[in-house]
Amino acid sequence: MEELIEKFGAEQWKESVEKAGIPEGRTFTAFCDVDETEFTRIMTGVAEMTFQSMEQVTEAVGEHGSTVYAPNVHAAYYSGVRRRASYWSTSTTSTRS
């Protein structure tokens, strides 16, 4: 949601959330599930408030998730993966004839 606020503005975010019927003070955390209907209503509101298509708004969410959120949250799980992958790709031999 941070990406939407940064990209489209805090005022549009607030109005979109209100328009979607989300109670004031409702928080969204990285580890909570957001109801699909709630999410769709929020994204629809953002699209209307910013004169963007749903495709553009959902693209912004996906881009943020894959380029900012996931790398930061999952970095600890993948540290050293490149090194290990390189090891396995160069140290194994094919047994096919």
PDB file of N, CA and C in Angstrom:
ATOM      1  N   MET A   1       0.807  -1.186   0.000  1.00  0.00           N
ATOM      2  CA  MET A   1       0.000   0.000   0.000  1.00  0.00           C
ATOM      3  C   MET A   1       0.863   1.268   0.000  1.00  0.00           C
ATOM      4  N   GLU A   2       2.054   1.167   0.542  1.00  0.00           N
ATOM      5  CA  GLU A   2       2.947   2.326   0.561  1.00  0.00           C
ATOM      6  C   GLU A   2       3.207   2.842  -0.855  1.00  0.00           C
ATOM      7  N   GLU A   3       3.384   1.930  -1.792  1.00  0.00           N
ATOM      8  CA  GLU A   3       3.638   2.317  -3.177  1.00  0.00           C
ATOM      9  C   GLU A   3       2.477   3.140  -3.729  1.00  0.00           C
ATOM     10  N   LEU A   4       1.270   2.739  -3.417  1.00  0.00           N
ATOM     11  CA  LEU A   4       0.112   3.487  -3.902  1.00  0.00           C
ATOM     12  C   LEU A   4       0.075   4.883  -3.309  1.00  0.00           C
ATOM     13  N   ILE A   5       0.373   4.985  -2.029  1.00  0.00           N
ATOM     14  CA  ILE A   5       0.370   6.295  -1.376  1.00  0.00           C
ATOM     15  C   ILE A   5       1.452   7.177  -1.985  1.00  0.00           C
ATOM     16  N   GLU A   6       2.651   6.620  -2.169  1.00  0.00           N
ATOM     17  CA  GLU A   6       3.748   7.386  -2.760  1.00  0.00           C
ATOM     18  C   GLU A   6       3.446   7.772  -4.212  1.00  0.00           C
ATOM     19  N   LYS A   7       2.931   6.830  -4.970  1.00  0.00           N
ATOM     20  CA  LYS A   7       2.725   7.074  -6.395  1.00  0.00           C
ATOM     21  C   LYS A   7       1.534   7.982  -6.678  1.00  0.00           C
ATOM     22  N   PHE A   8       0.436   7.774  -5.955  1.00  0.00           N
ATOM     23  CA  PHE A   8      -0.790   8.491  -6.269  1.00  0.00           C
ATOM     24  C   PHE A   8      -1.146   9.589  -5.276  1.00  0.00           C
ATOM     25  N   GLY A   9      -0.487   9.640  -4.126  1.00  0.00           N
ATOM     26  CA  GLY A   9      -0.729  10.708  -3.159  1.00  0.00           C
ATOM     27  C   GLY A   9      -1.583  10.279  -1.980  1.00  0.00           C
ATOM     28  N   ALA A  10      -1.262  10.836  -0.821  1.00  0.00           N
ATOM     29  CA  ALA A  10      -1.945  10.478   0.422  1.00  0.00           C
ATOM     30  C   ALA A  10      -3.427  10.860   0.391  1.00  0.00           C
ATOM     31  N   GLU A  11      -3.738  12.000  -0.203  1.00  0.00           N
ATOM     32  CA  GLU A  11      -5.142  12.447  -0.237  1.00  0.00           C
ATOM     33  C   GLU A  11      -5.991  11.494  -1.074  1.00  0.00           C
ATOM     34  N   GLN A  12      -5.472  11.075  -2.236  1.00  0.00           N
ATOM     35  CA  GLN A  12      -6.210  10.126  -3.076  1.00  0.00           C
ATOM     36  C   GLN A  12      -6.372   8.795  -2.352  1.00  0.00           C
ATOM     37  N   TRP A  13      -5.340   8.386  -1.627  1.00  0.00           N
ATOM     38  CA  TRP A  13      -5.415   7.129  -0.869  1.00  0.00           C
ATOM     39  C   TRP A  13      -6.522   7.223   0.167  1.00  0.00           C
ATOM     40  N   LYS A  14      -6.529   8.305   0.922  1.00  0.00           N
ATOM     41  CA  LYS A  14      -7.533   8.476   1.976  1.00  0.00           C
ATOM     42  C   LYS A  14      -8.941   8.468   1.392  1.00  0.00           C
ATOM     43  N   GLU A  15      -9.134   9.207   0.328  1.00  0.00           N
ATOM     44  CA  GLU A  15     -10.455   9.256  -0.307  1.00  0.00           C
ATOM     45  C   GLU A  15     -10.855   7.900  -0.873  1.00  0.00           C
ATOM     46  N   SER A  16      -9.901   7.179  -1.436  1.00  0.00           N
ATOM     47  CA  SER A  16     -10.182   5.853  -1.998  1.00  0.00           C
ATOM     48  C   SER A  16     -10.605   4.876  -0.916  1.00  0.00           C
ATOM     49  N   VAL A  17      -9.917   4.927   0.207  1.00  0.00           N
ATOM     50  CA  VAL A  17     -10.238   4.030   1.319  1.00  0.00           C
ATOM     51  C   VAL A  17     -11.617   4.369   1.883  1.00  0.00           C
ATOM     52  N   GLU A  18     -11.901   5.655   2.024  1.00  0.00           N
ATOM     53  CA  GLU A  18     -13.224   6.072   2.505  1.00  0.00           C
ATOM     54  C   GLU A  18     -14.313   5.629   1.535  1.00  0.00           C
ATOM     55  N   LYS A  19     -14.065   5.847   0.248  1.00  0.00           N
ATOM     56  CA  LYS A  19     -15.026   5.471  -0.786  1.00  0.00           C
ATOM     57  C   LYS A  19     -15.267   3.963  -0.791  1.00  0.00           C
ATOM     58  N   ALA A  20     -14.245   3.193  -0.469  1.00  0.00           N
ATOM     59  CA  ALA A  20     -14.357   1.734  -0.442  1.00  0.00           C
ATOM     60  C   ALA A  20     -15.095   1.229   0.796  1.00  0.00           C
ATOM     61  N   GLY A  21     -15.369   2.155   1.736  1.00  0.00           N
ATOM     62  CA  GLY A  21     -16.091   1.758   2.946  1.00  0.00           C
ATOM     63  C   GLY A  21     -15.212   1.131   4.010  1.00  0.00           C
ATOM     64  N   ILE A  22     -13.920   1.387   3.937  1.00  0.00           N
ATOM     65  CA  ILE A  22     -12.991   0.850   4.926  1.00  0.00           C
ATOM     66  C   ILE A  22     -13.048   1.757   6.154  1.00  0.00           C
ATOM     67  N   PRO A  23     -13.227   1.200   7.339  1.00  0.00           N
ATOM     68  CA  PRO A  23     -13.329   2.029   8.544  1.00  0.00           C
ATOM     69  C   PRO A  23     -12.057   2.855   8.764  1.00  0.00           C
ATOM     70  N   GLU A  24     -12.246   4.104   9.233  1.00  0.00           N
ATOM     71  CA  GLU A  24     -11.105   4.967   9.539  1.00  0.00           C
ATOM     72  C   GLU A  24     -10.264   4.311  10.628  1.00  0.00           C
ATOM     73  N   GLY A  25      -8.961   4.387  10.463  1.00  0.00           N
ATOM     74  CA  GLY A  25      -8.057   3.788  11.443  1.00  0.00           C
ATOM     75  C   GLY A  25      -7.700   2.342  11.140  1.00  0.00           C
ATOM     76  N   ARG A  26      -8.334   1.750  10.129  1.00  0.00           N
ATOM     77  CA  ARG A  26      -8.015   0.359   9.751  1.00  0.00           C
ATOM     78  C   ARG A  26      -6.578   0.318   9.276  1.00  0.00           C
ATOM     79  N   THR A  27      -5.824  -0.607   9.798  1.00  0.00           N
ATOM     80  CA  THR A  27      -4.430  -0.724   9.389  1.00  0.00           C
ATOM     81  C   THR A  27      -4.248  -1.981   8.545  1.00  0.00           C
ATOM     82  N   PHE A  28      -3.326  -1.878   7.636  1.00  0.00           N
ATOM     83  CA  PHE A  28      -2.948  -3.006   6.797  1.00  0.00           C
ATOM     84  C   PHE A  28      -1.484  -3.282   7.085  1.00  0.00           C
ATOM     85  N   THR A  29      -1.179  -4.496   7.461  1.00  0.00           N
ATOM     86  CA  THR A  29       0.211  -4.848   7.710  1.00  0.00           C
ATOM     87  C   THR A  29       0.686  -5.835   6.654  1.00  0.00           C
ATOM     88  N   ALA A  30       1.978  -6.001   6.602  1.00  0.00           N
ATOM     89  CA  ALA A  30       2.561  -6.906   5.615  1.00  0.00           C
ATOM     90  C   ALA A  30       2.167  -8.359   5.869  1.00  0.00           C
ATOM     91  N   PHE A  31       1.742  -8.663   7.073  1.00  0.00           N
ATOM     92  CA  PHE A  31       1.479 -10.058   7.419  1.00  0.00           C
ATOM     93  C   PHE A  31       0.006 -10.361   7.628  1.00  0.00           C
ATOM     94  N   CYS A  32      -0.868  -9.434   7.233  1.00  0.00           N
ATOM     95  CA  CYS A  32      -2.293  -9.712   7.368  1.00  0.00           C
ATOM     96  C   CYS A  32      -2.891  -9.978   5.988  1.00  0.00           C
ATOM     97  N   ASP A  33      -3.924 -10.779   5.984  1.00  0.00           N
ATOM     98  CA  ASP A  33      -4.650 -11.028   4.748  1.00  0.00           C
ATOM     99  C   ASP A  33      -5.627  -9.877   4.538  1.00  0.00           C
ATOM    100  N   VAL A  34      -5.723  -9.410   3.323  1.00  0.00           N
ATOM    101  CA  VAL A  34      -6.700  -8.385   2.974  1.00  0.00           C
ATOM    102  C   VAL A  34      -7.767  -9.072   2.143  1.00  0.00           C
ATOM    103  N   ASP A  35      -9.000  -8.921   2.586  1.00  0.00           N
ATOM    104  CA  ASP A  35     -10.123  -9.521   1.880  1.00  0.00           C
ATOM    105  C   ASP A  35     -10.113  -9.072   0.417  1.00  0.00           C
ATOM    106  N   GLU A  36     -10.342 -10.001  -0.497  1.00  0.00           N
ATOM    107  CA  GLU A  36     -10.283  -9.702  -1.927  1.00  0.00           C
ATOM    108  C   GLU A  36     -11.284  -8.614  -2.326  1.00  0.00           C
ATOM    109  N   THR A  37     -12.470  -8.661  -1.745  1.00  0.00           N
ATOM    110  CA  THR A  37     -13.481  -7.648  -2.046  1.00  0.00           C
ATOM    111  C   THR A  37     -13.020  -6.276  -1.567  1.00  0.00           C
ATOM    112  N   GLU A  38     -12.460  -6.230  -0.362  1.00  0.00           N
ATOM    113  CA  GLU A  38     -11.938  -4.979   0.186  1.00  0.00           C
ATOM    114  C   GLU A  38     -10.822  -4.421  -0.702  1.00  0.00           C
ATOM    115  N   PHE A  39      -9.908  -5.297  -1.082  1.00  0.00           N
ATOM    116  CA  PHE A  39      -8.783  -4.897  -1.925  1.00  0.00           C
ATOM    117  C   PHE A  39      -9.281  -4.349  -3.266  1.00  0.00           C
ATOM    118  N   THR A  40     -10.232  -5.029  -3.877  1.00  0.00           N
ATOM    119  CA  THR A  40     -10.767  -4.597  -5.161  1.00  0.00           C
ATOM    120  C   THR A  40     -11.462  -3.247  -5.034  1.00  0.00           C
ATOM    121  N   ARG A  41     -12.221  -3.059  -3.955  1.00  0.00           N
ATOM    122  CA  ARG A  41     -12.883  -1.767  -3.749  1.00  0.00           C
ATOM    123  C   ARG A  41     -11.851  -0.655  -3.582  1.00  0.00           C
ATOM    124  N   ILE A  42     -10.772  -0.919  -2.845  1.00  0.00           N
ATOM    125  CA  ILE A  42      -9.728   0.093  -2.660  1.00  0.00           C
ATOM    126  C   ILE A  42      -9.058   0.405  -3.997  1.00  0.00           C
ATOM    127  N   MET A  43      -8.679  -0.616  -4.746  1.00  0.00           N
ATOM    128  CA  MET A  43      -8.018  -0.401  -6.032  1.00  0.00           C
ATOM    129  C   MET A  43      -8.931   0.338  -7.011  1.00  0.00           C
ATOM    130  N   THR A  44     -10.223   0.030  -6.987  1.00  0.00           N
ATOM    131  CA  THR A  44     -11.179   0.733  -7.832  1.00  0.00           C
ATOM    132  C   THR A  44     -11.227   2.206  -7.451  1.00  0.00           C
ATOM    133  N   GLY A  45     -11.236   2.475  -6.150  1.00  0.00           N
ATOM    134  CA  GLY A  45     -11.238   3.854  -5.683  1.00  0.00           C
ATOM    135  C   GLY A  45      -9.977   4.592  -6.083  1.00  0.00           C
ATOM    136  N   VAL A  46      -8.831   3.947  -5.964  1.00  0.00           N
ATOM    137  CA  VAL A  46      -7.564   4.568  -6.369  1.00  0.00           C
ATOM    138  C   VAL A  46      -7.598   4.871  -7.864  1.00  0.00           C
ATOM    139  N   ALA A  47      -8.078   3.926  -8.645  1.00  0.00           N
ATOM    140  CA  ALA A  47      -8.150   4.126 -10.091  1.00  0.00           C
ATOM    141  C   ALA A  47      -9.039   5.320 -10.432  1.00  0.00           C
ATOM    142  N   GLU A  48     -10.183   5.415  -9.781  1.00  0.00           N
ATOM    143  CA  GLU A  48     -11.100   6.525 -10.055  1.00  0.00           C
ATOM    144  C   GLU A  48     -10.511   7.862  -9.604  1.00  0.00           C
ATOM    145  N   MET A  49      -9.903   7.889  -8.433  1.00  0.00           N
ATOM    146  CA  MET A  49      -9.387   9.138  -7.885  1.00  0.00           C
ATOM    147  C   MET A  49      -8.178   9.658  -8.655  1.00  0.00           C
ATOM    148  N   THR A  50      -7.433   8.752  -9.265  1.00  0.00           N
ATOM    149  CA  THR A  50      -6.198   9.165  -9.951  1.00  0.00           C
ATOM    150  C   THR A  50      -6.350   9.160 -11.475  1.00  0.00           C
ATOM    151  N   PHE A  51      -7.549   8.837 -11.939  1.00  0.00           N
ATOM    152  CA  PHE A  51      -7.816   8.773 -13.379  1.00  0.00           C
ATOM    153  C   PHE A  51      -6.875   7.778 -14.074  1.00  0.00           C
ATOM    154  N   GLN A  52      -6.603   6.683 -13.381  1.00  0.00           N
ATOM    155  CA  GLN A  52      -5.787   5.603 -13.922  1.00  0.00           C
ATOM    156  C   GLN A  52      -6.700   4.412 -14.204  1.00  0.00           C
ATOM    157  N   SER A  53      -6.241   3.532 -15.065  1.00  0.00           N
ATOM    158  CA  SER A  53      -6.993   2.301 -15.296  1.00  0.00           C
ATOM    159  C   SER A  53      -6.686   1.319 -14.174  1.00  0.00           C
ATOM    160  N   MET A  54      -7.567   0.341 -14.002  1.00  0.00           N
ATOM    161  CA  MET A  54      -7.298  -0.701 -13.003  1.00  0.00           C
ATOM    162  C   MET A  54      -5.990  -1.406 -13.334  1.00  0.00           C
ATOM    163  N   GLU A  55      -5.712  -1.569 -14.619  1.00  0.00           N
ATOM    164  CA  GLU A  55      -4.473  -2.212 -15.033  1.00  0.00           C
ATOM    165  C   GLU A  55      -3.258  -1.422 -14.534  1.00  0.00           C
ATOM    166  N   GLN A  56      -3.308  -0.099 -14.660  1.00  0.00           N
ATOM    167  CA  GLN A  56      -2.186   0.725 -14.206  1.00  0.00           C
ATOM    168  C   GLN A  56      -2.016   0.649 -12.690  1.00  0.00           C
ATOM    169  N   VAL A  57      -3.114   0.673 -11.967  1.00  0.00           N
ATOM    170  CA  VAL A  57      -3.049   0.622 -10.504  1.00  0.00           C
ATOM    171  C   VAL A  57      -2.542  -0.737 -10.035  1.00  0.00           C
ATOM    172  N   THR A  58      -3.078  -1.813 -10.593  1.00  0.00           N
ATOM    173  CA  THR A  58      -2.622  -3.137 -10.163  1.00  0.00           C
ATOM    174  C   THR A  58      -1.185  -3.393 -10.612  1.00  0.00           C
ATOM    175  N   GLU A  59      -0.790  -2.805 -11.732  1.00  0.00           N
ATOM    176  CA  GLU A  59       0.607  -2.909 -12.174  1.00  0.00           C
ATOM    177  C   GLU A  59       1.531  -2.243 -11.157  1.00  0.00           C
ATOM    178  N   ALA A  60       1.123  -1.092 -10.632  1.00  0.00           N
ATOM    179  CA  ALA A  60       1.924  -0.390  -9.619  1.00  0.00           C
ATOM    180  C   ALA A  60       2.054  -1.236  -8.356  1.00  0.00           C
ATOM    181  N   VAL A  61       0.974  -1.892  -7.962  1.00  0.00           N
ATOM    182  CA  VAL A  61       1.013  -2.765  -6.783  1.00  0.00           C
ATOM    183  C   VAL A  61       1.957  -3.942  -7.036  1.00  0.00           C
ATOM    184  N   GLY A  62       1.824  -4.554  -8.197  1.00  0.00           N
ATOM    185  CA  GLY A  62       2.683  -5.699  -8.530  1.00  0.00           C
ATOM    186  C   GLY A  62       4.144  -5.319  -8.640  1.00  0.00           C
ATOM    187  N   GLU A  63       4.405  -4.177  -9.238  1.00  0.00           N
ATOM    188  CA  GLU A  63       5.788  -3.721  -9.368  1.00  0.00           C
ATOM    189  C   GLU A  63       6.405  -3.479  -7.995  1.00  0.00           C
ATOM    190  N   HIS A  64       5.654  -2.838  -7.128  1.00  0.00           N
ATOM    191  CA  HIS A  64       6.148  -2.592  -5.774  1.00  0.00           C
ATOM    192  C   HIS A  64       6.404  -3.920  -5.049  1.00  0.00           C
ATOM    193  N   GLY A  65       5.462  -4.840  -5.193  1.00  0.00           N
ATOM    194  CA  GLY A  65       5.603  -6.128  -4.519  1.00  0.00           C
ATOM    195  C   GLY A  65       6.814  -6.916  -4.972  1.00  0.00           C
ATOM    196  N   SER A  66       7.090  -6.858  -6.260  1.00  0.00           N
ATOM    197  CA  SER A  66       8.191  -7.671  -6.787  1.00  0.00           C
ATOM    198  C   SER A  66       9.547  -6.982  -6.753  1.00  0.00           C
ATOM    199  N   THR A  67       9.566  -5.649  -6.751  1.00  0.00           N
ATOM    200  CA  THR A  67      10.858  -4.961  -6.808  1.00  0.00           C
ATOM    201  C   THR A  67      11.277  -4.300  -5.496  1.00  0.00           C
ATOM    202  N   VAL A  68      10.325  -4.049  -4.607  1.00  0.00           N
ATOM    203  CA  VAL A  68      10.650  -3.394  -3.337  1.00  0.00           C
ATOM    204  C   VAL A  68      10.323  -4.300  -2.154  1.00  0.00           C
ATOM    205  N   TYR A  69       9.057  -4.685  -2.036  1.00  0.00           N
ATOM    206  CA  TYR A  69       8.607  -5.443  -0.873  1.00  0.00           C
ATOM    207  C   TYR A  69       9.288  -6.807  -0.766  1.00  0.00           C
ATOM    208  N   ALA A  70       9.132  -7.642  -1.770  1.00  0.00           N
ATOM    209  CA  ALA A  70       9.665  -9.007  -1.703  1.00  0.00           C
ATOM    210  C   ALA A  70      11.175  -9.055  -1.491  1.00  0.00           C
ATOM    211  N   PRO A  71      11.969  -8.286  -2.229  1.00  0.00           N
ATOM    212  CA  PRO A  71      13.414  -8.337  -1.994  1.00  0.00           C
ATOM    213  C   PRO A  71      13.802  -7.929  -0.571  1.00  0.00           C
ATOM    214  N   ASN A  72      13.107  -6.950  -0.010  1.00  0.00           N
ATOM    215  CA  ASN A  72      13.429  -6.527   1.358  1.00  0.00           C
ATOM    216  C   ASN A  72      12.990  -7.541   2.393  1.00  0.00           C
ATOM    217  N   VAL A  73      11.808  -8.090   2.230  1.00  0.00           N
ATOM    218  CA  VAL A  73      11.260  -9.015   3.218  1.00  0.00           C
ATOM    219  C   VAL A  73      11.930 -10.383   3.133  1.00  0.00           C
ATOM    220  N   HIS A  74      12.205 -10.832   1.927  1.00  0.00           N
ATOM    221  CA  HIS A  74      12.712 -12.188   1.746  1.00  0.00           C
ATOM    222  C   HIS A  74      14.233 -12.276   1.578  1.00  0.00           C
ATOM    223  N   ALA A  75      14.913 -11.175   1.680  1.00  0.00           N
ATOM    224  CA  ALA A  75      16.367 -11.166   1.453  1.00  0.00           C
ATOM    225  C   ALA A  75      17.104 -12.163   2.335  1.00  0.00           C
ATOM    226  N   ALA A  76      16.709 -12.272   3.576  1.00  0.00           N
ATOM    227  CA  ALA A  76      17.385 -13.186   4.499  1.00  0.00           C
ATOM    228  C   ALA A  76      17.274 -14.640   4.046  1.00  0.00           C
ATOM    229  N   TYR A  77      16.159 -14.983   3.422  1.00  0.00           N
ATOM    230  CA  TYR A  77      15.960 -16.362   2.969  1.00  0.00           C
ATOM    231  C   TYR A  77      16.814 -16.701   1.748  1.00  0.00           C
ATOM    232  N   TYR A  78      17.202 -15.691   0.999  1.00  0.00           N
ATOM    233  CA  TYR A  78      17.910 -15.927  -0.242  1.00  0.00           C
ATOM    234  C   TYR A  78      19.384 -15.538  -0.200  1.00  0.00           C
ATOM    235  N   SER A  79      19.862 -15.119   0.951  1.00  0.00           N
ATOM    236  CA  SER A  79      21.275 -14.748   1.011  1.00  0.00           C
ATOM    237  C   SER A  79      22.118 -15.985   0.698  1.00  0.00           C
ATOM    238  N   GLY A  80      23.030 -15.848  -0.182  1.00  0.00           N
ATOM    239  CA  GLY A  80      23.892 -16.961  -0.558  1.00  0.00           C
ATOM    240  C   GLY A  80      23.340 -17.847  -1.651  1.00  0.00           C
ATOM    241  N   VAL A  81      22.130 -17.620  -2.093  1.00  0.00           N
ATOM    242  CA  VAL A  81      21.530 -18.482  -3.118  1.00  0.00           C
ATOM    243  C   VAL A  81      22.344 -18.423  -4.405  1.00  0.00           C
ATOM    244  N   ARG A  82      22.741 -17.243  -4.821  1.00  0.00           N
ATOM    245  CA  ARG A  82      23.494 -17.117  -6.064  1.00  0.00           C
ATOM    246  C   ARG A  82      24.795 -17.919  -5.966  1.00  0.00           C
ATOM    247  N   ARG A  83      25.443 -17.837  -4.827  1.00  0.00           N
ATOM    248  CA  ARG A  83      26.698 -18.558  -4.628  1.00  0.00           C
ATOM    249  C   ARG A  83      26.454 -20.069  -4.705  1.00  0.00           C
ATOM    250  N   ARG A  84      25.403 -20.548  -4.041  1.00  0.00           N
ATOM    251  CA  ARG A  84      25.112 -21.984  -4.056  1.00  0.00           C
ATOM    252  C   ARG A  84      24.687 -22.444  -5.443  1.00  0.00           C
ATOM    253  N   ALA A  85      23.868 -21.651  -6.124  1.00  0.00           N
ATOM    254  CA  ALA A  85      23.416 -22.019  -7.469  1.00  0.00           C
ATOM    255  C   ALA A  85      24.606 -22.121  -8.415  1.00  0.00           C
ATOM    256  N   SER A  86      25.509 -21.195  -8.290  1.00  0.00           N
ATOM    257  CA  SER A  86      26.708 -21.217  -9.121  1.00  0.00           C
ATOM    258  C   SER A  86      27.521 -22.478  -8.835  1.00  0.00           C
ATOM    259  N   TYR A  87      27.647 -22.835  -7.569  1.00  0.00           N
ATOM    260  CA  TYR A  87      28.386 -24.032  -7.190  1.00  0.00           C
ATOM    261  C   TYR A  87      27.760 -25.261  -7.838  1.00  0.00           C
ATOM    262  N   TRP A  88      26.429 -25.397  -7.715  1.00  0.00           N
ATOM    263  CA  TRP A  88      25.771 -26.577  -8.239  1.00  0.00           C
ATOM    264  C   TRP A  88      25.808 -26.635  -9.757  1.00  0.00           C
ATOM    265  N   SER A  89      25.735 -25.514 -10.406  1.00  0.00           N
ATOM    266  CA  SER A  89      25.726 -25.560 -11.870  1.00  0.00           C
ATOM    267  C   SER A  89      27.107 -25.870 -12.433  1.00  0.00           C
ATOM    268  N   THR A  90      28.168 -25.622 -11.673  1.00  0.00           N
ATOM    269  CA  THR A  90      29.510 -25.893 -12.194  1.00  0.00           C
ATOM    270  C   THR A  90      30.125 -27.172 -11.638  1.00  0.00           C
ATOM    271  N   SER A  91      29.572 -27.681 -10.538  1.00  0.00           N
ATOM    272  CA  SER A  91      30.231 -28.830  -9.923  1.00  0.00           C
ATOM    273  C   SER A  91      29.549 -30.158 -10.219  1.00  0.00           C
ATOM    274  N   THR A  92      28.387 -30.129 -10.825  1.00  0.00           N
ATOM    275  CA  THR A  92      27.719 -31.390 -11.132  1.00  0.00           C
ATOM    276  C   THR A  92      28.001 -31.784 -12.581  1.00  0.00           C
ATOM    277  N   THR A  93      27.965 -33.042 -12.812  1.00  0.00           N
ATOM    278  CA  THR A  93      28.169 -33.536 -14.183  1.00  0.00           C
ATOM    279  C   THR A  93      26.940 -34.292 -14.619  1.00  0.00           C
ATOM    280  N   SER A  94      26.699 -34.270 -15.868  1.00  0.00           N
ATOM    281  CA  SER A  94      25.545 -34.968 -16.416  1.00  0.00           C
ATOM    282  C   SER A  94      25.843 -36.457 -16.504  1.00  0.00           C
ATOM    283  N   THR A  95      24.841 -37.252 -16.176  1.00  0.00           N
ATOM    284  CA  THR A  95      25.005 -38.708 -16.289  1.00  0.00           C
ATOM    285  C   THR A  95      24.320 -39.231 -17.529  1.00  0.00           C
ATOM    286  N   ARG A  96      23.810 -38.350 -18.367  1.00  0.00           N
ATOM    287  CA  ARG A  96      23.150 -38.806 -19.607  1.00  0.00           C
ATOM    288  C   ARG A  96      24.212 -39.218 -20.620  1.00  0.00           C
ATOM    289  N   SER A  97      23.855 -40.202 -21.428  1.00  0.00           N
ATOM    290  CA  SER A  97      24.780 -40.638 -22.476  1.00  0.00           C
ATOM    291  C   SER A  97      24.346 -40.195 -23.822  1.00  0.00           C
TER     292      SER A  97
END
